[in-house]
């Protein structure tokens, strides 16, 4: 498996294991790897990811930029902000080995939120930077 796949699996597992996040979403199956048609709100979807070389002279590695989005159809941004805050907390300090990959770090980089009129939903976009190396 690739490091990107292992990292995504670790992120999904951490989000689904967070009881407070699952309570906000309604169930763990609302953590998804795409925005599905006809899905109940609120939900979390993994968005665009990118990987760049982060190798050193003696070790291979990757720098991953991961986008996570959460969506809500509540009447205000309060729900989407609560979900975004909980997602960040659930992923704080995510390190360790997943598959063939050692996750060296996962840190929040940025976040933004707003109402998306075309979707009639609130959206929060969170971006994280992760460094990985072979286990």
Foldseek 3Di string as FASTA:
>chain_A
DDPVVQVVVLLLVLQQPQPVLCVLFVHSVLEEQDDDPPDDDWGKHKDDKDWDWPADPVFTKIKMKTKMKTKGLDPDCVSRVVNVVVSQVSCAPDFQDGDQKTWPHKHWDDKDWDADVVVSIIMMMTIIIIMMGTD
